[in-house]
Amino acid sequence: MANLKLTMALSHYDRHIPFFDGSVRAKGVDLTVLEVGQSEPLKHGSDRHERMLQKGEFDICELSLSSYLMAKSRGMPFTAIPVFPRRLFSLSQMWVNVDAGIQSPQDLIGKKVGLSTFQTTLSVLAKGDLQSEYNVPWRKIHWIVSKEEAIPFKPQEGVRIELVAAGKKMGAMLDRGEISALMVPHPPQEALRGSPKVRRLFTDPRQEEVKYFRKNGYYPIMHVVAFKDEVLARNPWLADNVMVAFDKAKEACMAYYDDPNWSRFVWGRHLFEEERRVFGDDPWPHGVKKNRANLERFIGYSLDQGLMKKKLEVEEIFATTTLDG
C-alpha cells in the first residue's frame, strides 16, 4: 500500500532537524515538512497556529498548548499526541522598564504589562506562575496585547485587556516606558540590542527557574503536536507512528551534543552537562504519564483565566492510542 502524503508544520528547532533533513521518517507516511514560524516568519511563512486553527491549513502542526486546549474545550476538530516540541520557563521571559519602579513581582500589581496575546501559552503560564509562585493576583494587572486572539473568547468581568494600535511594537513601548513590563516567548529586540532601559524582572532568572523545577518537577510545556481530526479518523494508526518518529528525532538530537563543536557555543558541551546535572537526563519527556502534573497545572491556569469553555481531563486531550506512555 502506498504511503500517505501529508503536510506537517514545525518550527526550526534542533530536535526537528531529523525531520527537515529526512533522517527520521514516520512509518507509512510521506511527510512534507514545512518550516513555519509563529511570531517570526520562516521558509513557509508565519502565523502557524492561526493557520491551523482558523483554516486547517496543515494535516499535522506544532500548536500552542493554550490555544489547543481552548479549541478542544470548544469541540473544534483537532486532536494532539503527547509530544511537546517547545518548552519554556516563564521567569526568564519577564522583562521590565528600569524606570518603572519594579524590584519584585509584587510591584507589577496595578501596572501595564504587555503580552503577545492573552491566550498565548507563555502569557497563560506567566500569569499563573505570578499568582501561584509569587502571590501576585494576575487580575490586578492591566494587560496590553499586541494582536488579536487566535481563538476568540469573552474576558472575565473586571479583567483589563487592551489591544494596542496596529503597527505599535511592544519592545519599543517597553523601552519608552509606555508599558512597565513585557512577558513574551522571545526576547524583545530592545533587550537583544542591549537597551539600558530594559532588563529582566529577576536578577538571577536561572536560579529562579532551578527553584521552580525543583519545587514542581518539570520544565513547562509550550506546544503540542496536533492533527486535524479528519486525518486521524481515516488513519487512526498515524498518532502512534508519528509519536514514534518524534521519539527518534529527540534521540538523534541528543546525540548531536556528543560532539563538543556541534553547537557554535564555545562551552556548548559544558552547558549540556550542567543542564543534565540540574534537570536530569530528560527534561523533555514525551507521553502522558511523565507530563501529567505539568498538564494538569496548566489546565488549571487556563480555566482560572477564563480561556477554556469547560474542564478537560488529561486523557480527553490526546489521541486514545497514545495514552499509555
Protein backbone atom coordinates (compact mmCIF):
# COMPACT_ATOMS: atom_id res chain seq x y z
CA MET A 1 0.00 0.00 0.00
CA ALA A 2 1.32 3.45 -0.90
CA ASN A 3 2.37 5.78 1.89
CA LEU A 4 0.04 8.58 2.89
CA LYS A 5 1.07 12.05 1.73
CA LEU A 6 0.62 14.62 4.49
CA THR A 7 1.90 18.05 5.49
CA MET A 8 3.43 18.85 8.89
CA ALA A 9 4.23 22.41 10.01
CA LEU A 10 7.07 22.81 12.52
CA SER A 11 9.45 25.44 13.76
CA HIS A 12 13.20 25.04 13.17
CA TYR A 13 14.44 23.64 16.50
CA ASP A 14 17.41 21.30 16.83
CA ARG A 15 15.01 18.50 17.81
CA HIS A 16 13.25 18.91 14.45
CA ILE A 17 16.36 18.75 12.26
CA PRO A 18 15.88 14.99 11.68
CA PHE A 19 12.51 15.75 10.08
CA PHE A 20 13.87 18.52 7.90
CA ASP A 21 16.91 16.55 6.71
CA GLY A 22 14.90 13.34 6.20
CA SER A 23 16.96 11.21 8.57
CA VAL A 24 13.81 10.38 10.57
CA ARG A 25 10.54 9.42 8.90
CA ALA A 26 7.16 8.30 10.21
CA LYS A 27 6.28 4.76 9.13
CA GLY A 28 3.64 4.68 6.41
CA VAL A 29 3.76 8.41 5.73
CA ASP A 30 5.47 10.64 3.20
CA LEU A 31 5.58 13.88 5.18
CA THR A 32 6.11 17.23 3.53
CA VAL A 33 7.68 19.03 6.49
CA LEU A 34 7.09 22.78 6.30
CA GLU A 35 9.24 25.24 8.24
CA VAL A 36 6.58 27.63 9.53
CA GLY A 37 7.16 30.14 12.32
CA GLN A 38 4.68 31.67 14.72
CA SER A 39 5.73 35.22 15.59
CA GLU A 40 8.77 35.04 13.25
CA PRO A 41 8.47 34.20 9.54
CA LEU A 42 10.40 31.13 8.40
CA LYS A 43 10.73 29.47 4.98
CA HIS A 44 6.99 28.83 4.70
CA GLY A 45 5.79 31.94 6.50
CA SER A 46 4.48 32.62 10.00
CA ASP A 47 1.22 32.60 12.00
CA ARG A 48 1.39 28.79 12.20
CA HIS A 49 -1.19 28.48 14.99
CA GLU A 50 -3.77 30.72 13.35
CA ARG A 51 -3.32 28.99 10.00
CA MET A 52 -4.03 25.62 11.62
CA LEU A 53 -6.84 26.65 13.96
CA GLN A 54 -8.68 29.03 11.64
CA LYS A 55 -8.05 27.44 8.24
CA GLY A 56 -6.97 23.84 8.88
CA GLU A 57 -4.07 24.50 6.55
CA PHE A 58 -1.85 21.59 7.68
CA ASP A 59 -2.51 17.92 8.38
CA ILE A 60 -0.21 17.93 11.41
CA CYS A 61 1.02 21.04 13.20
CA GLU A 62 3.14 22.21 16.11
CA LEU A 63 0.50 24.14 18.03
CA SER A 64 0.16 26.36 21.10
CA LEU A 65 -0.85 24.27 24.13
CA SER A 66 -3.10 27.08 25.34
CA SER A 67 -4.94 27.60 22.06
CA TYR A 68 -5.21 23.84 21.56
CA LEU A 69 -6.88 23.41 24.96
CA MET A 70 -9.27 26.25 24.11
CA ALA A 71 -10.05 24.60 20.76
CA LYS A 72 -10.54 21.15 22.31
CA SER A 73 -12.85 22.51 25.02
CA ARG A 74 -14.98 24.09 22.25
CA GLY A 75 -15.20 20.87 20.23
CA MET A 76 -13.02 22.10 17.38
CA PRO A 77 -11.74 19.30 15.09
CA PHE A 78 -8.17 18.80 16.31
CA THR A 79 -6.51 16.10 18.40
CA ALA A 80 -2.97 16.11 19.80
CA ILE A 81 -0.43 13.46 20.66
CA PRO A 82 1.62 13.82 23.89
CA VAL A 83 4.68 15.25 22.16
CA PHE A 84 5.83 18.67 23.35
CA PRO A 85 8.28 20.33 20.95
CA ARG A 86 8.61 23.65 22.77
CA ARG A 87 9.01 24.36 26.48
CA LEU A 88 9.91 27.50 28.42
CA PHE A 89 10.11 28.70 31.97
CA SER A 90 8.16 31.94 32.24
CA LEU A 91 10.62 33.54 34.63
CA SER A 92 13.32 34.39 32.05
CA GLN A 93 10.67 35.83 29.73
CA MET A 94 9.59 38.61 32.11
CA TRP A 95 11.09 41.99 31.15
CA VAL A 96 10.68 45.37 32.85
CA ASN A 97 11.46 49.01 32.17
CA VAL A 98 14.22 50.09 34.56
CA ASP A 99 12.37 53.32 35.44
CA ALA A 100 9.06 51.62 36.27
CA GLY A 101 9.92 51.05 39.94
CA ILE A 102 9.67 47.27 39.70
CA GLN A 103 12.03 45.48 42.04
CA SER A 104 9.96 42.37 42.76
CA PRO A 105 6.97 40.56 41.23
CA GLN A 106 4.63 42.29 43.73
CA ASP A 107 5.49 45.63 42.09
CA LEU A 108 3.67 44.51 38.93
CA ILE A 109 0.31 44.98 40.64
CA GLY A 110 -1.56 47.85 39.00
CA LYS A 111 0.97 48.20 36.18
CA LYS A 112 0.51 47.95 32.42
CA VAL A 113 2.10 44.70 31.28
CA GLY A 114 2.47 43.63 27.66
CA LEU A 115 1.70 40.20 26.20
CA SER A 116 1.65 38.79 22.69
CA THR A 117 -1.97 37.76 23.24
CA PHE A 118 -3.84 36.95 26.43
CA GLN A 119 -4.10 33.26 25.39
CA THR A 120 -0.51 32.76 24.20
CA THR A 121 0.84 29.81 26.20
CA LEU A 122 3.70 31.85 27.68
CA SER A 123 1.16 34.52 28.69
CA VAL A 124 -1.05 31.98 30.47
CA LEU A 125 1.96 30.42 32.18
CA ALA A 126 3.38 33.78 33.27
CA LYS A 127 0.06 34.94 34.74
CA GLY A 128 -0.45 31.64 36.51
CA ASP A 129 3.11 31.47 37.81
CA LEU A 130 2.97 35.03 39.14
CA GLN A 131 -0.13 34.13 41.11
CA SER A 132 0.84 30.67 42.33
CA GLU A 133 4.58 31.16 42.89
CA TYR A 134 4.77 34.84 43.93
CA ASN A 135 1.29 35.66 45.24
CA VAL A 136 0.69 38.30 42.55
CA PRO A 137 -3.02 38.28 41.57
CA TRP A 138 -2.97 38.42 37.76
CA ARG A 139 -6.41 40.11 37.77
CA LYS A 140 -4.83 43.18 39.39
CA ILE A 141 -2.60 43.83 36.36
CA HIS A 142 -3.64 45.86 33.29
CA TRP A 143 -2.81 43.61 30.32
CA ILE A 144 -1.79 45.09 26.96
CA VAL A 145 -1.84 42.69 23.98
CA SER A 146 -0.15 43.14 20.62
CA LYS A 147 -2.57 41.27 18.32
CA GLU A 148 -5.97 39.63 18.02
CA GLU A 149 -6.55 36.31 19.74
CA ALA A 150 -6.21 33.09 17.70
CA ILE A 151 -9.46 31.82 19.27
CA PRO A 152 -11.95 34.50 20.37
CA PHE A 153 -13.13 34.43 23.98
CA LYS A 154 -15.01 36.69 26.38
CA PRO A 155 -12.76 38.03 29.17
CA GLN A 156 -13.94 37.59 32.74
CA GLU A 157 -15.64 40.55 34.34
CA GLY A 158 -13.14 43.06 35.70
CA VAL A 159 -10.16 41.71 33.72
CA ARG A 160 -8.46 44.54 31.83
CA ILE A 161 -7.20 43.62 28.36
CA GLU A 162 -6.29 46.35 25.88
CA LEU A 163 -5.27 45.79 22.25
CA VAL A 164 -2.57 48.19 21.08
CA ALA A 165 -2.94 50.19 17.88
CA ALA A 166 -1.83 48.47 14.69
CA GLY A 167 1.87 48.90 13.99
CA LYS A 168 2.93 49.56 17.57
CA LYS A 169 5.77 47.34 18.81
CA MET A 170 5.72 46.04 22.36
CA GLY A 171 9.50 46.17 22.77
CA ALA A 172 9.58 49.83 21.79
CA MET A 173 6.69 50.56 24.15
CA LEU A 174 8.63 48.93 26.98
CA ASP A 175 11.76 50.85 26.08
CA ARG A 176 9.84 54.17 26.16
CA GLY A 177 8.02 53.31 29.39
CA GLU A 178 4.56 53.15 27.77
CA ILE A 179 4.23 49.76 29.43
CA SER A 180 6.04 48.79 32.62
CA ALA A 181 6.74 45.15 31.80
CA LEU A 182 6.56 42.65 28.96
CA MET A 183 6.13 38.87 29.02
CA VAL A 184 6.64 37.26 25.61
CA PRO A 185 8.07 33.99 24.21
CA HIS A 186 11.04 35.72 22.54
CA PRO A 187 13.26 38.47 23.99
CA PRO A 188 12.27 41.92 22.71
CA GLN A 189 14.66 43.38 20.15
CA GLU A 190 15.47 46.21 22.54
CA ALA A 191 16.83 43.69 25.05
CA LEU A 192 18.82 41.92 22.34
CA ARG A 193 20.34 45.26 21.32
CA GLY A 194 21.33 45.97 24.92
CA SER A 195 18.98 48.88 25.66
CA PRO A 196 19.81 50.36 29.09
CA LYS A 197 16.08 50.82 29.68
CA VAL A 198 15.18 47.11 29.58
CA ARG A 199 16.14 44.32 31.99
CA ARG A 200 14.73 41.05 33.22
CA LEU A 201 12.39 41.14 36.21
CA PHE A 202 14.53 38.66 38.13
CA THR A 203 18.16 39.47 38.82
CA ASP A 204 19.09 35.78 38.58
CA PRO A 205 16.35 34.12 36.50
CA ARG A 206 18.35 30.90 36.11
CA GLN A 207 18.26 30.29 39.84
CA GLU A 208 14.56 31.17 39.96
CA GLU A 209 13.95 28.54 37.30
CA VAL A 210 16.05 25.92 39.11
CA LYS A 211 13.94 26.57 42.22
CA TYR A 212 10.77 26.25 40.14
CA PHE A 213 11.94 22.96 38.63
CA ARG A 214 12.95 21.50 41.99
CA LYS A 215 9.64 22.52 43.54
CA ASN A 216 7.32 21.47 40.71
CA GLY A 217 9.36 18.75 39.00
CA TYR A 218 9.02 19.79 35.36
CA TYR A 219 10.03 22.11 32.54
CA PRO A 220 6.76 23.81 31.46
CA ILE A 221 5.16 22.80 28.17
CA MET A 222 4.51 25.42 25.49
CA HIS A 223 3.46 23.43 22.40
CA VAL A 224 1.84 20.15 21.39
CA VAL A 225 1.71 18.30 18.06
CA ALA A 226 -1.88 18.27 16.77
CA PHE A 227 -3.67 16.55 13.88
CA LYS A 228 -6.80 17.51 12.05
CA ASP A 229 -9.46 15.08 13.26
CA GLU A 230 -10.42 14.07 9.73
CA VAL A 231 -6.86 12.82 9.14
CA LEU A 232 -6.82 10.67 12.30
CA ALA A 233 -10.36 9.41 11.70
CA ARG A 234 -9.28 7.91 8.37
CA ASN A 235 -5.91 6.69 9.70
CA PRO A 236 -6.00 6.14 13.49
CA TRP A 237 -2.60 4.39 13.39
CA LEU A 238 -0.99 7.71 12.44
CA ALA A 239 -0.95 9.00 16.02
CA ASP A 240 1.36 6.22 17.23
CA ASN A 241 3.59 6.25 14.16
CA VAL A 242 4.17 10.00 14.26
CA MET A 243 4.80 9.86 18.01
CA VAL A 244 7.46 7.17 17.47
CA ALA A 245 9.08 9.41 14.85
CA PHE A 246 9.25 12.30 17.31
CA ASP A 247 10.84 9.98 19.88
CA LYS A 248 13.50 9.03 17.34
CA ALA A 249 14.10 12.65 16.37
CA LYS A 250 14.63 13.56 20.02
CA GLU A 251 17.17 10.77 20.45
CA ALA A 252 19.04 11.93 17.34
CA CYS A 253 19.07 15.50 18.64
CA MET A 254 20.54 14.44 21.97
CA ALA A 255 23.36 12.66 20.14
CA TYR A 256 24.36 15.89 18.36
CA TYR A 257 25.79 17.19 21.62
CA ASP A 258 28.25 14.31 21.94
CA ASP A 259 30.41 16.45 19.64
CA PRO A 260 31.77 19.43 21.62
CA ASN A 261 31.72 21.53 18.46
CA TRP A 262 28.26 20.62 17.15
CA SER A 263 26.96 23.91 18.58
CA ARG A 264 28.63 27.24 17.76
CA PHE A 265 28.84 27.91 21.51
CA VAL A 266 32.38 27.52 22.83
CA TRP A 267 31.05 25.92 26.01
CA GLY A 268 28.05 24.20 24.47
CA ARG A 269 29.08 20.77 25.73
CA HIS A 270 29.74 22.15 29.23
CA LEU A 271 26.27 23.69 29.30
CA PHE A 272 24.76 20.40 28.12
CA GLU A 273 26.44 18.58 31.02
CA GLU A 274 25.46 21.29 33.54
CA GLU A 275 21.82 21.08 32.49
CA ARG A 276 21.87 17.30 32.93
CA ARG A 277 23.15 17.72 36.49
CA VAL A 278 20.35 20.20 37.30
CA PHE A 279 17.41 18.85 35.28
CA GLY A 280 18.23 15.17 34.92
CA ASP A 281 18.66 13.08 31.80
CA ASP A 282 15.46 14.17 30.07
CA PRO A 283 13.64 17.41 30.89
CA TRP A 284 11.79 16.98 27.54
CA PRO A 285 9.77 13.79 28.13
CA HIS A 286 7.01 12.69 25.78
CA GLY A 287 3.94 10.77 26.91
CA VAL A 288 1.07 11.39 29.32
CA LYS A 289 2.46 9.79 32.50
CA LYS A 290 5.59 11.92 32.78
CA ASN A 291 3.74 15.13 31.92
CA ARG A 292 0.51 14.75 33.87
CA ALA A 293 1.34 17.23 36.65
CA ASN A 294 2.66 19.73 34.10
CA LEU A 295 -0.53 19.49 32.02
CA GLU A 296 -2.94 19.48 34.96
CA ARG A 297 -1.43 22.65 36.35
CA PHE A 298 -1.66 24.42 33.00
CA ILE A 299 -5.28 23.31 32.53
CA GLY A 300 -5.96 24.87 35.94
CA TYR A 301 -4.33 28.12 34.82
CA SER A 302 -6.40 28.17 31.63
CA LEU A 303 -9.66 27.60 33.50
CA ASP A 304 -8.81 30.25 36.09
CA GLN A 305 -8.11 32.75 33.31
CA GLY A 306 -11.45 32.11 31.60
CA LEU A 307 -9.99 30.59 28.42
CA MET A 308 -11.34 27.03 28.28
CA LYS A 309 -15.08 26.50 27.88
CA LYS A 310 -15.03 23.54 30.25
CA LYS A 311 -12.60 21.45 32.25
CA LEU A 312 -10.96 18.61 30.37
CA GLU A 313 -9.15 15.66 31.87
CA VAL A 314 -5.67 14.97 30.53
CA GLU A 315 -6.93 11.77 28.87
CA GLU A 316 -9.50 13.77 26.88
CA ILE A 317 -6.96 15.93 25.09
CA PHE A 318 -4.85 13.24 23.38
CA ALA A 319 -5.43 10.50 20.82
CA THR A 320 -6.62 7.44 22.71
CA THR A 321 -3.94 5.17 21.26
CA THR A 322 -1.19 7.35 22.79
CA LEU A 323 -2.37 7.37 26.41
CA ASP A 324 -0.21 4.52 27.75
CA GLY A 325 3.12 6.34 27.68
